[in-house]
């Protein structure tokens, strides 16, 4: 099983105990009586997150297109997508090859989606 290391920010909670925040996953934080317990709880929270699918840039672009994104242009090997309402951030990613998990996670976040919504869009 492949393991990935994530940066965890631990700090004392003003109301007692400790808080652990995982910046790579917005909204992923945990608490504990001790710093060690907060870190252990953060590990459990990370492991409970849904797994990202392995997809190419073209497959990801099709999933985002099913949510209204349009390919604005292609420059070299990168696609630039935008949402017609301009209410969502534009997305840029490679057209070819499997996307790295960090990039895919950032694209999903910038599109204002959850991983579950993205996986559902892939099925459309």
PDB file of N, CA and C in Angstrom:
ATOM      1  N   UNK A   1       0.843  -1.185   0.000  1.00  0.00           N
ATOM      2  CA  UNK A   1       0.000   0.000   0.000  1.00  0.00           C
ATOM      3  C   UNK A   1       0.885   1.244   0.000  1.00  0.00           C
ATOM      4  N   UNK A   2       0.604   2.159  -0.888  1.00  0.00           N
ATOM      5  CA  UNK A   2       1.381   3.386  -1.011  1.00  0.00           C
ATOM      6  C   UNK A   2       1.026   4.346   0.113  1.00  0.00           C
ATOM      7  N   UNK A   3       2.063   4.930   0.744  1.00  0.00           N
ATOM      8  CA  UNK A   3       1.838   5.902   1.802  1.00  0.00           C
ATOM      9  C   UNK A   3       2.316   7.265   1.345  1.00  0.00           C
ATOM     10  N   UNK A   4       1.578   8.276   1.740  1.00  0.00           N
ATOM     11  CA  UNK A   4       1.927   9.651   1.416  1.00  0.00           C
ATOM     12  C   UNK A   4       2.034  10.432   2.713  1.00  0.00           C
ATOM     13  N   UNK A   5       3.009  11.314   2.797  1.00  0.00           N
ATOM     14  CA  UNK A   5       3.169  12.156   3.983  1.00  0.00           C
ATOM     15  C   UNK A   5       2.458  13.483   3.760  1.00  0.00           C
ATOM     16  N   UNK A   6       1.740  13.939   4.773  1.00  0.00           N
ATOM     17  CA  UNK A   6       1.045  15.219   4.704  1.00  0.00           C
ATOM     18  C   UNK A   6       1.496  16.089   5.863  1.00  0.00           C
ATOM     19  N   UNK A   7       1.598  17.366   5.599  1.00  0.00           N
ATOM     20  CA  UNK A   7       1.951  18.345   6.621  1.00  0.00           C
ATOM     21  C   UNK A   7       0.751  18.521   7.553  1.00  0.00           C
ATOM     22  N   UNK A   8       1.001  18.444   8.853  1.00  0.00           N
ATOM     23  CA  UNK A   8      -0.060  18.640   9.849  1.00  0.00           C
ATOM     24  C   UNK A   8       0.384  19.761  10.780  1.00  0.00           C
ATOM     25  N   UNK A   9      -0.487  20.724  10.980  1.00  0.00           N
ATOM     26  CA  UNK A   9      -0.215  21.839  11.883  1.00  0.00           C
ATOM     27  C   UNK A   9      -0.908  21.539  13.204  1.00  0.00           C
ATOM     28  N   UNK A  10      -0.105  21.452  14.274  1.00  0.00           N
ATOM     29  CA  UNK A  10      -0.664  21.184  15.600  1.00  0.00           C
ATOM     30  C   UNK A  10      -0.499  22.425  16.462  1.00  0.00           C
ATOM     31  N   UNK A  11      -1.530  22.722  17.215  1.00  0.00           N
ATOM     32  CA  UNK A  11      -1.448  23.877  18.115  1.00  0.00           C
ATOM     33  C   UNK A  11      -2.375  23.659  19.300  1.00  0.00           C
ATOM     34  N   UNK A  12      -2.071  24.288  20.421  1.00  0.00           N
ATOM     35  CA  UNK A  12      -2.953  24.165  21.581  1.00  0.00           C
ATOM     36  C   UNK A  12      -4.296  24.836  21.295  1.00  0.00           C
ATOM     37  N   UNK A  13      -5.356  24.231  21.789  1.00  0.00           N
ATOM     38  CA  UNK A  13      -6.698  24.808  21.664  1.00  0.00           C
ATOM     39  C   UNK A  13      -6.894  25.743  22.855  1.00  0.00           C
ATOM     40  N   UNK A  14      -7.325  26.985  22.620  1.00  0.00           N
ATOM     41  CA  UNK A  14      -7.517  27.920  23.736  1.00  0.00           C
ATOM     42  C   UNK A  14      -8.492  27.389  24.799  1.00  0.00           C
ATOM     43  N   UNK A  15      -9.382  26.492  24.388  1.00  0.00           N
ATOM     44  CA  UNK A  15     -10.368  25.954  25.339  1.00  0.00           C
ATOM     45  C   UNK A  15      -9.883  24.655  25.982  1.00  0.00           C
ATOM     46  N   UNK A  16      -8.652  24.271  25.698  1.00  0.00           N
ATOM     47  CA  UNK A  16      -8.081  23.049  26.275  1.00  0.00           C
ATOM     48  C   UNK A  16      -7.843  21.998  25.219  1.00  0.00           C
ATOM     49  N   UNK A  17      -6.834  21.188  25.412  1.00  0.00           N
ATOM     50  CA  UNK A  17      -6.503  20.156  24.446  1.00  0.00           C
ATOM     51  C   UNK A  17      -5.682  20.712  23.296  1.00  0.00           C
ATOM     52  N   UNK A  18      -5.684  19.978  22.191  1.00  0.00           N
ATOM     53  CA  UNK A  18      -4.904  20.362  21.020  1.00  0.00           C
ATOM     54  C   UNK A  18      -5.722  20.182  19.754  1.00  0.00           C
ATOM     55  N   UNK A  19      -5.357  20.942  18.718  1.00  0.00           N
ATOM     56  CA  UNK A  19      -6.003  20.872  17.409  1.00  0.00           C
ATOM     57  C   UNK A  19      -4.940  20.512  16.383  1.00  0.00           C
ATOM     58  N   UNK A  20      -5.295  19.637  15.446  1.00  0.00           N
ATOM     59  CA  UNK A  20      -4.412  19.288  14.329  1.00  0.00           C
ATOM     60  C   UNK A  20      -5.150  19.598  13.036  1.00  0.00           C
ATOM     61  N   UNK A  21      -4.512  20.388  12.168  1.00  0.00           N
ATOM     62  CA  UNK A  21      -5.114  20.807  10.898  1.00  0.00           C
ATOM     63  C   UNK A  21      -4.252  20.261   9.761  1.00  0.00           C
ATOM     64  N   UNK A  22      -4.900  19.733   8.712  1.00  0.00           N
ATOM     65  CA  UNK A  22      -4.197  19.203   7.545  1.00  0.00           C
ATOM     66  C   UNK A  22      -4.462  20.152   6.380  1.00  0.00           C
ATOM     67  N   UNK A  23      -3.539  21.094   6.094  1.00  0.00           N
ATOM     68  CA  UNK A  23      -3.778  22.102   5.057  1.00  0.00           C
ATOM     69  C   UNK A  23      -4.053  21.527   3.664  1.00  0.00           C
ATOM     70  N   UNK A  24      -3.529  20.352   3.365  1.00  0.00           N
ATOM     71  CA  UNK A  24      -3.750  19.756   2.044  1.00  0.00           C
ATOM     72  C   UNK A  24      -5.212  19.391   1.808  1.00  0.00           C
ATOM     73  N   UNK A  25      -5.971  19.254   2.894  1.00  0.00           N
ATOM     74  CA  UNK A  25      -7.383  18.883   2.793  1.00  0.00           C
ATOM     75  C   UNK A  25      -8.220  19.919   3.531  1.00  0.00           C
ATOM     76  N   UNK A  26      -8.716  20.936   2.818  1.00  0.00           N
ATOM     77  CA  UNK A  26      -9.515  21.967   3.488  1.00  0.00           C
ATOM     78  C   UNK A  26     -10.647  21.345   4.308  1.00  0.00           C
ATOM     79  N   UNK A  27     -10.773  21.800   5.529  1.00  0.00           N
ATOM     80  CA  UNK A  27     -11.811  21.287   6.411  1.00  0.00           C
ATOM     81  C   UNK A  27     -11.405  20.051   7.188  1.00  0.00           C
ATOM     82  N   UNK A  28     -10.205  19.528   6.946  1.00  0.00           N
ATOM     83  CA  UNK A  28      -9.736  18.335   7.648  1.00  0.00           C
ATOM     84  C   UNK A  28      -8.962  18.770   8.882  1.00  0.00           C
ATOM     85  N   UNK A  29      -9.586  18.614  10.028  1.00  0.00           N
ATOM     86  CA  UNK A  29      -8.932  18.951  11.281  1.00  0.00           C
ATOM     87  C   UNK A  29      -9.451  18.010  12.355  1.00  0.00           C
ATOM     88  N   UNK A  30      -8.703  17.898  13.437  1.00  0.00           N
ATOM     89  CA  UNK A  30      -9.107  17.019  14.529  1.00  0.00           C
ATOM     90  C   UNK A  30      -8.667  17.634  15.842  1.00  0.00           C
ATOM     91  N   UNK A  31      -9.164  17.051  16.917  1.00  0.00           N
ATOM     92  CA  UNK A  31      -8.836  17.530  18.253  1.00  0.00           C
ATOM     93  C   UNK A  31      -8.420  16.342  19.108  1.00  0.00           C
ATOM     94  N   UNK A  32      -7.763  16.629  20.213  1.00  0.00           N
ATOM     95  CA  UNK A  32      -7.391  15.602  21.175  1.00  0.00           C
ATOM     96  C   UNK A  32      -6.970  16.235  22.475  1.00  0.00           C
ATOM     97  N   UNK A  33      -6.981  15.428  23.521  1.00  0.00           N
ATOM     98  CA  UNK A  33      -6.546  15.914  24.833  1.00  0.00           C
ATOM     99  C   UNK A  33      -5.066  16.285  24.796  1.00  0.00           C
ATOM    100  N   UNK A  34      -4.281  15.495  24.024  1.00  0.00           N
ATOM    101  CA  UNK A  34      -2.849  15.745  23.896  1.00  0.00           C
ATOM    102  C   UNK A  34      -2.516  15.994  22.428  1.00  0.00           C
ATOM    103  N   UNK A  35      -1.306  16.516  22.170  1.00  0.00           N
ATOM    104  CA  UNK A  35      -0.876  16.725  20.787  1.00  0.00           C
ATOM    105  C   UNK A  35      -0.812  15.392  20.043  1.00  0.00           C
ATOM    106  N   UNK A  36      -0.370  14.348  20.722  1.00  0.00           N
ATOM    107  CA  UNK A  36      -0.275  13.024  20.098  1.00  0.00           C
ATOM    108  C   UNK A  36      -1.649  12.490  19.718  1.00  0.00           C
ATOM    109  N   UNK A  37      -2.635  12.681  20.585  1.00  0.00           N
ATOM    110  CA  UNK A  37      -3.989  12.218  20.291  1.00  0.00           C
ATOM    111  C   UNK A  37      -4.589  13.010  19.116  1.00  0.00           C
ATOM    112  N   UNK A  38      -4.339  14.307  19.066  1.00  0.00           N
ATOM    113  CA  UNK A  38      -4.829  15.127  17.953  1.00  0.00           C
ATOM    114  C   UNK A  38      -4.203  14.654  16.647  1.00  0.00           C
ATOM    115  N   UNK A  39      -2.897  14.334  16.672  1.00  0.00           N
ATOM    116  CA  UNK A  39      -2.217  13.831  15.482  1.00  0.00           C
ATOM    117  C   UNK A  39      -2.773  12.470  15.066  1.00  0.00           C
ATOM    118  N   UNK A  40      -3.005  11.603  16.023  1.00  0.00           N
ATOM    119  CA  UNK A  40      -3.585  10.288  15.723  1.00  0.00           C
ATOM    120  C   UNK A  40      -4.982  10.446  15.107  1.00  0.00           C
ATOM    121  N   UNK A  41      -5.762  11.352  15.642  1.00  0.00           N
ATOM    122  CA  UNK A  41      -7.102  11.596  15.091  1.00  0.00           C
ATOM    123  C   UNK A  41      -7.020  12.184  13.684  1.00  0.00           C
ATOM    124  N   UNK A  42      -5.999  13.019  13.435  1.00  0.00           N
ATOM    125  CA  UNK A  42      -5.805  13.577  12.090  1.00  0.00           C
ATOM    126  C   UNK A  42      -5.475  12.459  11.104  1.00  0.00           C
ATOM    127  N   UNK A  43      -4.644  11.499  11.523  1.00  0.00           N
ATOM    128  CA  UNK A  43      -4.329  10.345  10.669  1.00  0.00           C
ATOM    129  C   UNK A  43      -5.606   9.594  10.287  1.00  0.00           C
ATOM    130  N   UNK A  44      -6.449   9.352  11.280  1.00  0.00           N
ATOM    131  CA  UNK A  44      -7.721   8.652  11.023  1.00  0.00           C
ATOM    132  C   UNK A  44      -8.593   9.452  10.057  1.00  0.00           C
ATOM    133  N   UNK A  45      -8.616  10.773  10.215  1.00  0.00           N
ATOM    134  CA  UNK A  45      -9.422  11.618   9.329  1.00  0.00           C
ATOM    135  C   UNK A  45      -8.911  11.537   7.897  1.00  0.00           C
ATOM    136  N   UNK A  46      -7.588  11.561   7.731  1.00  0.00           N
ATOM    137  CA  UNK A  46      -7.005  11.467   6.386  1.00  0.00           C
ATOM    138  C   UNK A  46      -7.358  10.125   5.752  1.00  0.00           C
ATOM    139  N   UNK A  47      -7.250   9.058   6.530  1.00  0.00           N
ATOM    140  CA  UNK A  47      -7.539   7.720   5.995  1.00  0.00           C
ATOM    141  C   UNK A  47      -9.011   7.538   5.634  1.00  0.00           C
ATOM    142  N   UNK A  48      -9.881   8.328   6.256  1.00  0.00           N
ATOM    143  CA  UNK A  48     -11.311   8.197   5.967  1.00  0.00           C
ATOM    144  C   UNK A  48     -11.752   9.019   4.750  1.00  0.00           C
ATOM    145  N   UNK A  49     -10.840   9.860   4.229  1.00  0.00           N
ATOM    146  CA  UNK A  49     -11.187  10.662   3.055  1.00  0.00           C
ATOM    147  C   UNK A  49     -11.377   9.758   1.838  1.00  0.00           C
ATOM    148  N   UNK A  50     -12.283  10.120   0.945  1.00  0.00           N
ATOM    149  CA  UNK A  50     -12.474   9.295  -0.257  1.00  0.00           C
ATOM    150  C   UNK A  50     -11.228   9.311  -1.134  1.00  0.00           C
ATOM    151  N   UNK A  51     -10.962   8.194  -1.753  1.00  0.00           N
ATOM    152  CA  UNK A  51      -9.789   8.076  -2.612  1.00  0.00           C
ATOM    153  C   UNK A  51     -10.013   8.817  -3.920  1.00  0.00           C
ATOM    154  N   UNK A  52      -8.962   9.434  -4.412  1.00  0.00           N
ATOM    155  CA  UNK A  52      -9.033  10.099  -5.711  1.00  0.00           C
ATOM    156  C   UNK A  52      -8.849   9.065  -6.810  1.00  0.00           C
ATOM    157  N   UNK A  53      -9.641   9.159  -7.864  1.00  0.00           N
ATOM    158  CA  UNK A  53      -9.432   8.238  -8.986  1.00  0.00           C
ATOM    159  C   UNK A  53      -8.178   8.635  -9.752  1.00  0.00           C
ATOM    160  N   UNK A  54      -7.621   7.701 -10.466  1.00  0.00           N
ATOM    161  CA  UNK A  54      -6.479   7.991 -11.342  1.00  0.00           C
ATOM    162  C   UNK A  54      -7.051   8.292 -12.720  1.00  0.00           C
ATOM    163  N   UNK A  55      -6.872   9.534 -13.157  1.00  0.00           N
ATOM    164  CA  UNK A  55      -7.439   9.952 -14.441  1.00  0.00           C
ATOM    165  C   UNK A  55      -6.426  10.772 -15.222  1.00  0.00           C
ATOM    166  N   UNK A  56      -6.612  10.793 -16.518  1.00  0.00           N
ATOM    167  CA  UNK A  56      -5.777  11.630 -17.380  1.00  0.00           C
ATOM    168  C   UNK A  56      -6.335  13.046 -17.372  1.00  0.00           C
ATOM    169  N   UNK A  57      -5.549  13.965 -17.884  1.00  0.00           N
ATOM    170  CA  UNK A  57      -6.009  15.347 -17.989  1.00  0.00           C
ATOM    171  C   UNK A  57      -7.234  15.470 -18.877  1.00  0.00           C
ATOM    172  N   UNK A  58      -7.275  14.689 -19.961  1.00  0.00           N
ATOM    173  CA  UNK A  58      -8.420  14.729 -20.887  1.00  0.00           C
ATOM    174  C   UNK A  58      -9.683  14.199 -20.193  1.00  0.00           C
ATOM    175  N   UNK A  59      -9.548  13.118 -19.407  1.00  0.00           N
ATOM    176  CA  UNK A  59     -10.704  12.575 -18.681  1.00  0.00           C
ATOM    177  C   UNK A  59     -11.214  13.589 -17.653  1.00  0.00           C
ATOM    178  N   UNK A  60     -10.297  14.247 -16.961  1.00  0.00           N
ATOM    179  CA  UNK A  60     -10.691  15.262 -15.984  1.00  0.00           C
ATOM    180  C   UNK A  60     -11.409  16.416 -16.684  1.00  0.00           C
ATOM    181  N   UNK A  61     -10.902  16.839 -17.853  1.00  0.00           N
ATOM    182  CA  UNK A  61     -11.533  17.933 -18.597  1.00  0.00           C
ATOM    183  C   UNK A  61     -12.960  17.556 -18.987  1.00  0.00           C
ATOM    184  N   UNK A  62     -13.176  16.295 -19.382  1.00  0.00           N
ATOM    185  CA  UNK A  62     -14.538  15.847 -19.724  1.00  0.00           C
ATOM    186  C   UNK A  62     -15.456  15.883 -18.502  1.00  0.00           C
ATOM    187  N   UNK A  63     -14.917  15.491 -17.339  1.00  0.00           N
ATOM    188  CA  UNK A  63     -15.721  15.532 -16.115  1.00  0.00           C
ATOM    189  C   UNK A  63     -16.092  16.973 -15.769  1.00  0.00           C
ATOM    190  N   UNK A  64     -15.137  17.883 -15.872  1.00  0.00           N
ATOM    191  CA  UNK A  64     -15.433  19.289 -15.587  1.00  0.00           C
ATOM    192  C   UNK A  64     -16.402  19.856 -16.627  1.00  0.00           C
ATOM    193  N   UNK A  65     -16.306  19.397 -17.873  1.00  0.00           N
ATOM    194  CA  UNK A  65     -17.226  19.853 -18.921  1.00  0.00           C
ATOM    195  C   UNK A  65     -18.660  19.437 -18.601  1.00  0.00           C
ATOM    196  N   UNK A  66     -18.834  18.280 -17.974  1.00  0.00           N
ATOM    197  CA  UNK A  66     -20.194  17.847 -17.625  1.00  0.00           C
ATOM    198  C   UNK A  66     -20.804  18.746 -16.552  1.00  0.00           C
ATOM    199  N   UNK A  67     -19.978  19.565 -15.915  1.00  0.00           N
ATOM    200  CA  UNK A  67     -20.456  20.511 -14.904  1.00  0.00           C
ATOM    201  C   UNK A  67     -20.520  21.928 -15.441  1.00  0.00           C
ATOM    202  N   UNK A  68     -20.349  22.067 -16.759  1.00  0.00           N
ATOM    203  CA  UNK A  68     -20.495  23.379 -17.381  1.00  0.00           C
ATOM    204  C   UNK A  68     -19.206  24.038 -17.807  1.00  0.00           C
ATOM    205  N   UNK A  69     -18.056  23.491 -17.423  1.00  0.00           N
ATOM    206  CA  UNK A  69     -16.790  24.086 -17.853  1.00  0.00           C
ATOM    207  C   UNK A  69     -16.609  23.895 -19.351  1.00  0.00           C
ATOM    208  N   UNK A  70     -15.975  24.863 -19.975  1.00  0.00           N
ATOM    209  CA  UNK A  70     -15.685  24.810 -21.407  1.00  0.00           C
ATOM    210  C   UNK A  70     -14.191  24.959 -21.605  1.00  0.00           C
ATOM    211  N   UNK A  71     -13.662  24.266 -22.632  1.00  0.00           N
ATOM    212  CA  UNK A  71     -12.245  24.430 -22.952  1.00  0.00           C
ATOM    213  C   UNK A  71     -12.084  25.781 -23.634  1.00  0.00           C
ATOM    214  N   UNK A  72     -11.349  26.653 -22.994  1.00  0.00           N
ATOM    215  CA  UNK A  72     -11.133  27.992 -23.508  1.00  0.00           C
ATOM    216  C   UNK A  72     -10.025  27.989 -24.563  1.00  0.00           C
ATOM    217  N   UNK A  73      -8.937  27.270 -24.239  1.00  0.00           N
ATOM    218  CA  UNK A  73      -7.836  27.174 -25.195  1.00  0.00           C
ATOM    219  C   UNK A  73      -6.907  26.041 -24.778  1.00  0.00           C
ATOM    220  N   UNK A  74      -6.063  25.666 -25.713  1.00  0.00           N
ATOM    221  CA  UNK A  74      -5.000  24.717 -25.422  1.00  0.00           C
ATOM    222  C   UNK A  74      -3.704  25.340 -25.875  1.00  0.00           C
ATOM    223  N   UNK A  75      -2.777  25.410 -24.961  1.00  0.00           N
ATOM    224  CA  UNK A  75      -1.466  25.963 -25.286  1.00  0.00           C
ATOM    225  C   UNK A  75      -0.437  24.889 -24.939  1.00  0.00           C
ATOM    226  N   UNK A  76       0.225  24.372 -25.956  1.00  0.00           N
ATOM    227  CA  UNK A  76       1.154  23.269 -25.732  1.00  0.00           C
ATOM    228  C   UNK A  76       0.373  22.052 -25.267  1.00  0.00           C
ATOM    229  N   UNK A  77       0.789  21.493 -24.163  1.00  0.00           N
ATOM    230  CA  UNK A  77       0.106  20.301 -23.661  1.00  0.00           C
ATOM    231  C   UNK A  77      -0.905  20.627 -22.563  1.00  0.00           C
ATOM    232  N   UNK A  78      -1.182  21.908 -22.322  1.00  0.00           N
ATOM    233  CA  UNK A  78      -2.084  22.293 -21.245  1.00  0.00           C
ATOM    234  C   UNK A  78      -3.418  22.835 -21.766  1.00  0.00           C
ATOM    235  N   UNK A  79      -4.463  22.441 -21.054  1.00  0.00           N
ATOM    236  CA  UNK A  79      -5.814  22.923 -21.351  1.00  0.00           C
ATOM    237  C   UNK A  79      -6.184  24.007 -20.346  1.00  0.00           C
ATOM    238  N   UNK A  80      -6.897  25.001 -20.819  1.00  0.00           N
ATOM    239  CA  UNK A  80      -7.435  26.055 -19.954  1.00  0.00           C
ATOM    240  C   UNK A  80      -8.944  25.961 -20.055  1.00  0.00           C
ATOM    241  N   UNK A  81      -9.607  25.738 -18.923  1.00  0.00           N
ATOM    242  CA  UNK A  81     -11.058  25.624 -18.886  1.00  0.00           C
ATOM    243  C   UNK A  81     -11.636  26.791 -18.099  1.00  0.00           C
ATOM    244  N   UNK A  82     -12.831  27.195 -18.484  1.00  0.00           N
ATOM    245  CA  UNK A  82     -13.520  28.246 -17.722  1.00  0.00           C
ATOM    246  C   UNK A  82     -14.986  27.878 -17.622  1.00  0.00           C
ATOM    247  N   UNK A  83     -15.615  28.418 -16.607  1.00  0.00           N
ATOM    248  CA  UNK A  83     -17.046  28.205 -16.407  1.00  0.00           C
ATOM    249  C   UNK A  83     -17.757  29.428 -16.969  1.00  0.00           C
ATOM    250  N   UNK A  84     -18.825  29.243 -17.750  1.00  0.00           N
ATOM    251  CA  UNK A  84     -19.470  30.394 -18.402  1.00  0.00           C
ATOM    252  C   UNK A  84     -20.012  31.442 -17.440  1.00  0.00           C
ATOM    253  N   UNK A  85     -20.312  31.057 -16.201  1.00  0.00           N
ATOM    254  CA  UNK A  85     -20.833  32.053 -15.257  1.00  0.00           C
ATOM    255  C   UNK A  85     -19.728  32.907 -14.661  1.00  0.00           C
ATOM    256  N   UNK A  86     -18.468  32.476 -14.853  1.00  0.00           N
ATOM    257  CA  UNK A  86     -17.315  33.140 -14.249  1.00  0.00           C
ATOM    258  C   UNK A  86     -17.397  33.166 -12.732  1.00  0.00           C
ATOM    259  N   UNK A  87     -18.355  32.413 -12.163  1.00  0.00           N
ATOM    260  CA  UNK A  87     -18.479  32.343 -10.717  1.00  0.00           C
ATOM    261  C   UNK A  87     -17.455  31.366 -10.138  1.00  0.00           C
ATOM    262  N   UNK A  88     -16.901  30.506 -10.978  1.00  0.00           N
ATOM    263  CA  UNK A  88     -15.910  29.536 -10.527  1.00  0.00           C
ATOM    264  C   UNK A  88     -14.552  29.882 -11.119  1.00  0.00           C
ATOM    265  N   UNK A  89     -13.520  29.469 -10.446  1.00  0.00           N
ATOM    266  CA  UNK A  89     -12.160  29.750 -10.915  1.00  0.00           C
ATOM    267  C   UNK A  89     -11.881  29.037 -12.232  1.00  0.00           C
ATOM    268  N   UNK A  90     -11.080  29.633 -13.112  1.00  0.00           N
ATOM    269  CA  UNK A  90     -10.648  28.909 -14.313  1.00  0.00           C
ATOM    270  C   UNK A  90      -9.710  27.777 -13.896  1.00  0.00           C
ATOM    271  N   UNK A  91      -9.651  26.733 -14.699  1.00  0.00           N
ATOM    272  CA  UNK A  91      -8.831  25.563 -14.404  1.00  0.00           C
ATOM    273  C   UNK A  91      -7.792  25.375 -15.494  1.00  0.00           C
ATOM    274  N   UNK A  92      -6.575  25.021 -15.128  1.00  0.00           N
ATOM    275  CA  UNK A  92      -5.515  24.744 -16.082  1.00  0.00           C
ATOM    276  C   UNK A  92      -4.834  23.448 -15.684  1.00  0.00           C
ATOM    277  N   UNK A  93      -4.689  22.552 -16.660  1.00  0.00           N
ATOM    278  CA  UNK A  93      -4.018  21.292 -16.384  1.00  0.00           C
ATOM    279  C   UNK A  93      -3.527  20.648 -17.659  1.00  0.00           C
ATOM    280  N   UNK A  94      -2.640  19.665 -17.534  1.00  0.00           N
ATOM    281  CA  UNK A  94      -2.109  19.000 -18.719  1.00  0.00           C
ATOM    282  C   UNK A  94      -3.180  18.164 -19.413  1.00  0.00           C
ATOM    283  N   UNK A  95      -3.051  18.072 -20.720  1.00  0.00           N
ATOM    284  CA  UNK A  95      -3.994  17.310 -21.530  1.00  0.00           C
ATOM    285  C   UNK A  95      -3.673  15.821 -21.494  1.00  0.00           C
ATOM    286  N   UNK A  96      -2.420  15.499 -21.413  1.00  0.00           N
ATOM    287  CA  UNK A  96      -1.996  14.104 -21.526  1.00  0.00           C
ATOM    288  C   UNK A  96      -1.489  13.567 -20.199  1.00  0.00           C
ATOM    289  N   UNK A  97      -1.504  12.253 -20.109  1.00  0.00           N
ATOM    290  CA  UNK A  97      -0.921  11.587 -18.955  1.00  0.00           C
ATOM    291  C   UNK A  97      -1.801  11.652 -17.727  1.00  0.00           C
ATOM    292  N   UNK A  98      -1.470  10.805 -16.786  1.00  0.00           N
ATOM    293  CA  UNK A  98      -2.218  10.745 -15.535  1.00  0.00           C
ATOM    294  C   UNK A  98      -1.901  11.969 -14.683  1.00  0.00           C
ATOM    295  N   UNK A  99      -2.942  12.577 -14.133  1.00  0.00           N
ATOM    296  CA  UNK A  99      -2.749  13.742 -13.272  1.00  0.00           C
ATOM    297  C   UNK A  99      -2.229  13.301 -11.915  1.00  0.00           C
ATOM    298  N   UNK A 100      -1.305  14.043 -11.376  1.00  0.00           N
ATOM    299  CA  UNK A 100      -0.815  13.790 -10.019  1.00  0.00           C
ATOM    300  C   UNK A 100      -1.944  14.121  -9.043  1.00  0.00           C
ATOM    301  N   UNK A 101      -1.980  13.419  -7.921  1.00  0.00           N
ATOM    302  CA  UNK A 101      -3.091  13.590  -6.983  1.00  0.00           C
ATOM    303  C   UNK A 101      -3.185  15.013  -6.439  1.00  0.00           C
ATOM    304  N   UNK A 102      -2.037  15.658  -6.184  1.00  0.00           N
ATOM    305  CA  UNK A 102      -2.082  17.028  -5.668  1.00  0.00           C
ATOM    306  C   UNK A 102      -2.723  17.986  -6.648  1.00  0.00           C
ATOM    307  N   UNK A 103      -2.380  17.853  -7.929  1.00  0.00           N
ATOM    308  CA  UNK A 103      -2.965  18.716  -8.955  1.00  0.00           C
ATOM    309  C   UNK A 103      -4.457  18.431  -9.098  1.00  0.00           C
ATOM    310  N   UNK A 104      -4.820  17.151  -9.137  1.00  0.00           N
ATOM    311  CA  UNK A 104      -6.235  16.805  -9.289  1.00  0.00           C
ATOM    312  C   UNK A 104      -7.044  17.334  -8.109  1.00  0.00           C
ATOM    313  N   UNK A 105      -6.513  17.167  -6.913  1.00  0.00           N
ATOM    314  CA  UNK A 105      -7.207  17.666  -5.719  1.00  0.00           C
ATOM    315  C   UNK A 105      -7.383  19.186  -5.804  1.00  0.00           C
ATOM    316  N   UNK A 106      -6.352  19.898  -6.268  1.00  0.00           N
ATOM    317  CA  UNK A 106      -6.434  21.363  -6.406  1.00  0.00           C
ATOM    318  C   UNK A 106      -7.459  21.760  -7.463  1.00  0.00           C
ATOM    319  N   UNK A 107      -7.505  21.047  -8.587  1.00  0.00           N
ATOM    320  CA  UNK A 107      -8.490  21.354  -9.632  1.00  0.00           C
ATOM    321  C   UNK A 107      -9.911  21.148  -9.112  1.00  0.00           C
ATOM    322  N   UNK A 108     -10.124  20.056  -8.392  1.00  0.00           N
ATOM    323  CA  UNK A 108     -11.450  19.776  -7.829  1.00  0.00           C
ATOM    324  C   UNK A 108     -11.828  20.875  -6.840  1.00  0.00           C
ATOM    325  N   UNK A 109     -10.897  21.261  -5.988  1.00  0.00           N
ATOM    326  CA  UNK A 109     -11.163  22.328  -5.018  1.00  0.00           C
ATOM    327  C   UNK A 109     -11.474  23.647  -5.717  1.00  0.00           C
ATOM    328  N   UNK A 110     -10.661  23.999  -6.742  1.00  0.00           N
ATOM    329  CA  UNK A 110     -10.878  25.256  -7.455  1.00  0.00           C
ATOM    330  C   UNK A 110     -12.204  25.270  -8.204  1.00  0.00           C
ATOM    331  N   UNK A 111     -12.682  24.092  -8.592  1.00  0.00           N
ATOM    332  CA  UNK A 111     -13.981  24.005  -9.263  1.00  0.00           C
ATOM    333  C   UNK A 111     -15.130  24.058  -8.266  1.00  0.00           C
ATOM    334  N   UNK A 112     -14.807  24.073  -6.974  1.00  0.00           N
ATOM    335  CA  UNK A 112     -15.845  24.139  -5.945  1.00  0.00           C
ATOM    336  C   UNK A 112     -16.601  22.836  -5.784  1.00  0.00           C
ATOM    337  N   UNK A 113     -15.916  21.721  -6.039  1.00  0.00           N
ATOM    338  CA  UNK A 113     -16.553  20.402  -5.992  1.00  0.00           C
ATOM    339  C   UNK A 113     -15.985  19.581  -4.844  1.00  0.00           C
ATOM    340  N   UNK A 114     -16.721  18.541  -4.504  1.00  0.00           N
ATOM    341  CA  UNK A 114     -16.189  17.526  -3.601  1.00  0.00           C
ATOM    342  C   UNK A 114     -15.623  16.398  -4.467  1.00  0.00           C
ATOM    343  N   UNK A 115     -14.843  15.537  -3.864  1.00  0.00           N
ATOM    344  CA  UNK A 115     -14.309  14.394  -4.601  1.00  0.00           C
ATOM    345  C   UNK A 115     -15.457  13.513  -5.091  1.00  0.00           C
ATOM    346  N   UNK A 116     -16.475  13.352  -4.267  1.00  0.00           N
ATOM    347  CA  UNK A 116     -17.625  12.533  -4.658  1.00  0.00           C
ATOM    348  C   UNK A 116     -18.319  13.106  -5.892  1.00  0.00           C
ATOM    349  N   UNK A 117     -18.475  14.430  -5.940  1.00  0.00           N
ATOM    350  CA  UNK A 117     -19.098  15.069  -7.109  1.00  0.00           C
ATOM    351  C   UNK A 117     -18.252  14.865  -8.359  1.00  0.00           C
ATOM    352  N   UNK A 118     -16.925  14.942  -8.194  1.00  0.00           N
ATOM    353  CA  UNK A 118     -16.047  14.737  -9.338  1.00  0.00           C
ATOM    354  C   UNK A 118     -16.151  13.303  -9.843  1.00  0.00           C
ATOM    355  N   UNK A 119     -16.143  12.341  -8.934  1.00  0.00           N
ATOM    356  CA  UNK A 119     -16.257  10.931  -9.342  1.00  0.00           C
ATOM    357  C   UNK A 119     -17.580  10.698 -10.071  1.00  0.00           C
ATOM    358  N   UNK A 120     -18.646  11.308  -9.585  1.00  0.00           N
ATOM    359  CA  UNK A 120     -19.946  11.182 -10.247  1.00  0.00           C
ATOM    360  C   UNK A 120     -19.902  11.806 -11.648  1.00  0.00           C
ATOM    361  N   UNK A 121     -19.216  12.932 -11.770  1.00  0.00           N
ATOM    362  CA  UNK A 121     -19.095  13.587 -13.077  1.00  0.00           C
ATOM    363  C   UNK A 121     -18.294  12.720 -14.046  1.00  0.00           C
ATOM    364  N   UNK A 122     -17.335  11.981 -13.543  1.00  0.00           N
ATOM    365  CA  UNK A 122     -16.564  11.066 -14.407  1.00  0.00           C
ATOM    366  C   UNK A 122     -17.460   9.986 -15.017  1.00  0.00           C
ATOM    367  N   UNK A 123     -18.484   9.587 -14.287  1.00  0.00           N
ATOM    368  CA  UNK A 123     -19.387   8.514 -14.739  1.00  0.00           C
ATOM    369  C   UNK A 123     -20.376   8.997 -15.792  1.00  0.00           C
ATOM    370  N   UNK A 124     -20.565  10.295 -15.930  1.00  0.00           N
ATOM    371  CA  UNK A 124     -21.546  10.824 -16.887  1.00  0.00           C
ATOM    372  C   UNK A 124     -21.067  10.690 -18.301  1.00  0.00           C
TER     373      UNK A 124
END
